[in-house]
Amino acid sequence: MTENALFTQYCAKDTMTDTQNMDPLTELAYRRICDMIYSTNDNLLDNASLQYGTKTGAKWKKIRQELIEVHQAIYIEDGFIRNEKCKKNLQKTYKNIEQKRLAGKASSEKRKQLKNNDTGLTAVGADVEAAVPTGAPTNYKNYKNYKEKNNKKENSGLEENEAPPTDEHITRLFDEFWEAYPRKVAAAKARIEFEAALAIEDYDMTPIMEGLARYIAGKPDWSEWCYPATWLSGGRWRDEWDADSAAAAPVEQFPDHLFEDEAEASA
């Protein structure tokens, strides 16, 4: 064990149980002893300096004896102070560290192997056929759109091998949306969300514009217009508007009659 265990498993219930019958100063010393066992990798020397480390001063000698004989919370082994629970927790911690180290090493070797395959070479330099690109994007957001698009290809506005519209074409579609949207705020962010929404709809703008028309027609006067980026990122073009509920005014949180007595008193 060459590196310190900065983080270990900790059970508050165990500590509460261990210290139940200790007076406050003994509990302080015990908790600090445990912390020092962790920070020294279970190599805490049993010497006079612990009166300072435990903040108990001259009382440490007596407290040490109580912790060993009365509470049986610690014991001395080869000149070191030990605690069974600390020892077991450290063993678990180092086991987890080793497992993560091996997993990281395996992952690194796998990435190197994939990189070699991408360049057409094996680890020993022999020529092999390079991997064929799948066309699936690596960005999560784009991958989500890609997956949705491929799950409904039978209803897609694009043919299977048809390329998505160019950035210039998407910008023209966005300009049309922007012209129709009532609240023109944060255009750059709205442009990003518009492209994502367009991809969800297989680059068919019709559902978005139809949803916008419903929003404009159904939004009640008392409600503020959504920011366009928020409206798009929330998939609001798919909202169904109920004309009766949209027209209804919000319920007053504080009706006027609650303040009638106050108004009369101030008059």
Protein backbone atom coordinates (compact mmCIF):
# COMPACT_ATOMS: atom_id res chain seq x y z
CA MET A 1 0.00 0.00 0.00
CA THR A 2 1.98 2.93 -1.26
CA GLU A 3 -0.72 5.55 -1.77
CA ASN A 4 -2.98 7.06 0.85
CA ALA A 5 -6.67 6.22 0.83
CA LEU A 6 -8.19 9.67 0.53
CA PHE A 7 -11.74 8.31 0.49
CA THR A 8 -13.00 5.26 2.36
CA GLN A 9 -16.35 3.65 3.05
CA TYR A 10 -17.91 5.03 6.19
CA CYS A 11 -20.91 3.88 8.19
CA ALA A 12 -22.22 6.48 10.63
CA LYS A 13 -24.24 3.87 12.49
CA ASP A 14 -21.11 1.86 13.31
CA THR A 15 -19.37 4.91 14.75
CA MET A 16 -22.43 5.89 16.76
CA THR A 17 -22.59 2.37 18.21
CA ASP A 18 -18.89 2.29 19.02
CA THR A 19 -19.00 5.61 20.86
CA GLN A 20 -22.33 5.17 22.64
CA ASN A 21 -20.76 4.62 26.07
CA MET A 22 -17.83 7.02 25.69
CA ASP A 23 -17.59 10.40 27.34
CA PRO A 24 -17.13 13.35 24.94
CA LEU A 25 -13.34 13.60 25.32
CA THR A 26 -12.84 9.86 24.82
CA GLU A 27 -15.10 9.95 21.77
CA LEU A 28 -13.08 12.83 20.32
CA ALA A 29 -9.86 10.88 20.82
CA TYR A 30 -11.34 7.73 19.27
CA ARG A 31 -12.65 9.51 16.17
CA ARG A 32 -9.32 11.24 15.61
CA ILE A 33 -7.47 7.96 16.09
CA CYS A 34 -9.63 6.42 13.34
CA ASP A 35 -8.93 9.36 11.04
CA MET A 36 -5.21 9.04 11.64
CA ILE A 37 -5.31 5.29 10.98
CA TYR A 38 -6.89 6.00 7.60
CA SER A 39 -4.48 8.82 6.75
CA THR A 40 -1.42 6.69 7.64
CA ASN A 41 -2.61 3.56 5.83
CA ASP A 42 -3.01 1.68 9.12
CA ASN A 43 0.49 2.65 10.25
CA LEU A 44 -0.31 4.88 13.21
CA LEU A 45 2.58 4.76 15.68
CA ASP A 46 1.69 4.37 19.33
CA ASN A 47 3.76 7.16 20.87
CA ALA A 48 3.48 10.24 23.08
CA SER A 49 2.76 12.56 20.15
CA LEU A 50 -0.82 11.25 20.10
CA GLN A 51 -1.67 13.46 23.07
CA TYR A 52 -1.46 16.30 20.57
CA GLY A 53 -2.98 14.39 17.66
CA THR A 54 -6.03 13.47 19.71
CA LYS A 55 -6.24 16.93 21.33
CA THR A 56 -6.49 15.31 24.76
CA GLY A 57 -3.13 16.45 26.15
CA ALA A 58 -2.06 14.89 29.44
CA LYS A 59 -5.31 12.88 29.59
CA TRP A 60 -4.33 10.80 26.57
CA LYS A 61 -2.56 8.11 28.61
CA LYS A 62 -5.70 7.40 30.63
CA ILE A 63 -7.98 7.64 27.59
CA ARG A 64 -5.72 5.26 25.66
CA GLN A 65 -6.05 2.68 28.41
CA GLU A 66 -9.85 3.04 28.45
CA LEU A 67 -10.07 2.64 24.68
CA ILE A 68 -8.06 -0.58 24.90
CA GLU A 69 -9.37 -2.20 28.07
CA VAL A 70 -12.86 -0.78 28.69
CA HIS A 71 -14.26 -0.03 25.23
CA GLN A 72 -12.02 -2.49 23.33
CA ALA A 73 -12.08 -0.01 20.45
CA ILE A 74 -8.36 -0.16 19.63
CA TYR A 75 -5.42 -2.51 20.22
CA ILE A 76 -1.64 -2.31 19.94
CA GLU A 77 0.23 -4.44 17.42
CA ASP A 78 3.99 -4.19 16.71
CA GLY A 79 4.08 -0.65 18.06
CA PHE A 80 1.11 0.52 15.98
CA ILE A 81 -2.45 1.38 17.02
CA ARG A 82 -4.99 -0.75 15.18
CA ASN A 83 -8.77 -0.77 14.80
CA GLU A 84 -10.53 -3.73 13.16
CA LYS A 85 -13.20 -1.70 11.35
CA CYS A 86 -10.63 0.74 9.99
CA LYS A 87 -8.52 -2.18 8.84
CA LYS A 88 -11.42 -3.82 6.99
CA ASN A 89 -12.49 -0.52 5.41
CA LEU A 90 -8.96 0.10 4.14
CA GLN A 91 -8.81 -3.39 2.66
CA LYS A 92 -12.08 -2.76 0.80
CA THR A 93 -10.85 0.62 -0.35
CA TYR A 94 -7.61 -0.71 -1.80
CA LYS A 95 -9.44 -3.58 -3.43
CA ASN A 96 -11.72 -1.08 -5.18
CA ILE A 97 -8.74 1.05 -6.18
CA GLU A 98 -7.02 -1.98 -7.72
CA GLN A 99 -10.19 -3.01 -9.57
CA LYS A 100 -10.58 0.49 -11.02
CA ARG A 101 -6.90 0.57 -11.97
CA LEU A 102 -7.19 -2.71 -13.86
CA ALA A 103 -10.45 -1.60 -15.50
CA GLY A 104 -8.81 1.66 -16.58
CA LYS A 105 -5.82 -0.20 -17.98
CA ALA A 106 -8.08 -2.58 -19.94
CA SER A 107 -10.11 0.36 -21.27
CA SER A 108 -6.93 2.15 -22.37
CA GLU A 109 -5.67 -0.93 -24.19
CA LYS A 110 -9.06 -1.34 -25.87
CA ARG A 111 -9.01 2.28 -27.09
CA LYS A 112 -5.51 1.80 -28.48
CA GLN A 113 -6.65 -1.33 -30.28
CA LEU A 114 -9.64 0.47 -31.79
CA LYS A 115 -7.41 3.36 -32.82
CA ASN A 116 -5.06 0.94 -34.57
CA ASN A 117 -8.04 -0.63 -36.35
CA ASP A 118 -9.21 2.79 -37.51
CA THR A 119 -5.85 3.46 -39.14
CA GLY A 120 -5.82 0.05 -40.83
CA LEU A 121 -3.04 -1.36 -38.62
CA THR A 122 -2.97 -3.96 -35.89
CA ALA A 123 -0.94 -3.59 -32.72
CA VAL A 124 1.99 -5.36 -34.45
CA GLY A 125 1.76 -3.27 -37.60
CA ALA A 126 0.14 -5.77 -39.98
CA ASP A 127 -2.19 -4.34 -42.62
CA VAL A 128 -5.86 -5.09 -42.07
CA GLU A 129 -9.07 -3.78 -43.53
CA ALA A 130 -10.13 -0.55 -41.83
CA ALA A 131 -13.45 -0.42 -40.04
CA VAL A 132 -16.37 0.77 -42.15
CA PRO A 133 -18.01 3.95 -40.76
CA THR A 134 -21.56 3.36 -39.57
CA GLY A 135 -22.72 6.94 -39.98
CA ALA A 136 -23.88 7.10 -36.36
CA PRO A 137 -22.72 10.32 -34.67
CA THR A 138 -20.71 10.15 -31.43
CA ASN A 139 -22.25 13.28 -29.86
CA TYR A 140 -25.00 12.15 -27.45
CA LYS A 141 -27.56 14.74 -28.50
CA ASN A 142 -27.02 14.04 -32.19
CA TYR A 143 -27.01 10.30 -31.52
CA LYS A 144 -30.40 10.58 -29.81
CA ASN A 145 -31.78 12.34 -32.86
CA TYR A 146 -30.09 9.80 -35.12
CA LYS A 147 -31.66 6.94 -33.17
CA GLU A 148 -35.14 8.46 -33.28
CA LYS A 149 -34.73 9.10 -36.98
CA ASN A 150 -33.77 5.47 -37.69
CA ASN A 151 -36.58 4.11 -35.51
CA LYS A 152 -39.19 5.72 -37.76
CA LYS A 153 -37.61 5.58 -41.21
CA GLU A 154 -40.84 4.24 -42.69
CA ASN A 155 -42.44 7.64 -41.92
CA SER A 156 -39.35 9.68 -42.70
CA GLY A 157 -39.27 12.67 -45.00
CA LEU A 158 -35.78 11.52 -46.07
CA GLU A 159 -34.93 8.46 -48.08
CA GLU A 160 -32.66 5.92 -46.42
CA ASN A 161 -29.50 7.16 -48.16
CA GLU A 162 -30.55 10.78 -48.50
CA ALA A 163 -28.24 13.26 -46.79
CA PRO A 164 -29.65 15.76 -44.26
CA PRO A 165 -30.17 19.31 -45.52
CA THR A 166 -27.20 21.62 -45.59
CA ASP A 167 -26.53 24.19 -42.91
CA GLU A 168 -27.53 26.92 -45.33
CA HIS A 169 -30.89 25.27 -45.94
CA ILE A 170 -31.50 24.81 -42.21
CA THR A 171 -30.72 28.49 -41.69
CA ARG A 172 -33.36 29.44 -44.26
CA LEU A 173 -35.90 27.25 -42.48
CA PHE A 174 -34.94 28.81 -39.15
CA ASP A 175 -35.39 32.30 -40.58
CA GLU A 176 -38.93 31.32 -41.57
CA PHE A 177 -39.60 30.02 -38.05
CA TRP A 178 -38.00 33.11 -36.47
CA GLU A 179 -40.14 35.44 -38.56
CA ALA A 180 -43.29 33.69 -37.33
CA TYR A 181 -42.33 33.34 -33.65
CA PRO A 182 -43.86 36.16 -31.54
CA ARG A 183 -40.97 36.61 -29.08
CA LYS A 184 -37.59 37.21 -30.67
CA VAL A 185 -35.02 36.57 -27.93
CA ALA A 186 -31.65 34.71 -27.96
CA ALA A 187 -31.58 33.88 -31.64
CA ALA A 188 -28.27 32.00 -31.55
CA LYS A 189 -29.48 29.55 -28.93
CA ALA A 190 -32.83 29.23 -30.66
CA ARG A 191 -31.01 28.36 -33.91
CA ILE A 192 -29.25 25.45 -32.18
CA GLU A 193 -32.46 24.12 -30.64
CA PHE A 194 -34.29 24.57 -33.94
CA GLU A 195 -31.81 22.30 -35.73
CA ALA A 196 -32.20 19.67 -33.00
CA ALA A 197 -36.00 19.87 -33.24
CA LEU A 198 -35.81 19.66 -37.02
CA ALA A 199 -33.71 16.50 -36.78
CA ILE A 200 -36.28 14.93 -34.44
CA GLU A 201 -38.92 15.54 -37.09
CA ASP A 202 -36.69 14.04 -39.83
CA TYR A 203 -36.05 17.55 -41.18
CA ASP A 204 -39.73 18.07 -41.88
CA MET A 205 -40.59 21.59 -40.72
CA THR A 206 -44.34 21.14 -41.03
CA PRO A 207 -45.00 19.73 -37.51
CA ILE A 208 -43.00 22.56 -35.93
CA MET A 209 -44.84 25.28 -37.80
CA GLU A 210 -48.20 23.64 -37.16
CA GLY A 211 -47.39 23.44 -33.46
CA LEU A 212 -46.34 27.11 -33.49
CA ALA A 213 -49.65 28.05 -35.10
CA ARG A 214 -51.53 26.21 -32.32
CA TYR A 215 -49.41 27.96 -29.70
CA ILE A 216 -50.06 31.40 -31.15
CA ALA A 217 -53.78 30.74 -31.44
CA GLY A 218 -54.21 29.11 -28.03
CA LYS A 219 -51.91 31.05 -25.71
CA PRO A 220 -54.01 33.01 -23.18
CA ASP A 221 -53.43 36.76 -22.83
CA TRP A 222 -52.32 36.45 -19.20
CA SER A 223 -49.45 34.10 -20.08
CA GLU A 224 -45.99 35.30 -21.23
CA TRP A 225 -44.57 34.07 -24.52
CA CYS A 226 -41.97 31.33 -24.08
CA TYR A 227 -38.40 32.03 -25.13
CA PRO A 228 -38.05 30.39 -28.56
CA ALA A 229 -35.10 28.21 -27.45
CA THR A 230 -37.09 26.99 -24.43
CA TRP A 231 -40.14 26.33 -26.57
CA LEU A 232 -38.10 24.25 -28.99
CA SER A 233 -35.98 22.35 -26.45
CA GLY A 234 -39.12 21.41 -24.53
CA GLY A 235 -40.78 19.92 -27.62
CA ARG A 236 -43.60 22.42 -27.22
CA TRP A 237 -44.62 22.21 -30.88
CA ARG A 238 -46.27 18.91 -29.93
CA ASP A 239 -48.46 20.50 -27.25
CA GLU A 240 -52.22 20.12 -27.60
CA TRP A 241 -54.08 23.28 -26.59
CA ASP A 242 -57.48 23.19 -24.89
CA ALA A 243 -59.31 26.36 -25.88
CA ASP A 244 -61.41 26.44 -22.69
CA SER A 245 -58.52 26.02 -20.28
CA ALA A 246 -56.28 28.37 -22.28
CA ALA A 247 -58.83 31.13 -22.06
CA ALA A 248 -59.32 30.77 -18.32
CA ALA A 249 -57.48 33.28 -16.16
CA PRO A 250 -55.17 31.91 -13.44
CA VAL A 251 -56.59 31.53 -9.94
CA GLU A 252 -55.63 34.45 -7.70
CA GLN A 253 -53.24 33.39 -5.00
CA PHE A 254 -54.35 36.21 -2.69
CA PRO A 255 -58.00 37.25 -3.30
CA ASP A 256 -58.78 40.94 -2.78
CA HIS A 257 -61.19 40.33 0.11
CA LEU A 258 -58.27 39.18 2.30
CA PHE A 259 -57.00 42.75 2.33
CA GLU A 260 -60.36 44.57 2.88
CA ASP A 261 -59.84 45.01 6.65
CA GLU A 262 -56.30 46.28 6.13
CA ALA A 263 -57.52 48.77 3.50
CA GLU A 264 -60.25 50.07 5.82
CA ALA A 265 -57.81 50.46 8.72
CA SER A 266 -55.41 52.53 6.63
CA ALA A 267 -58.16 54.75 5.21
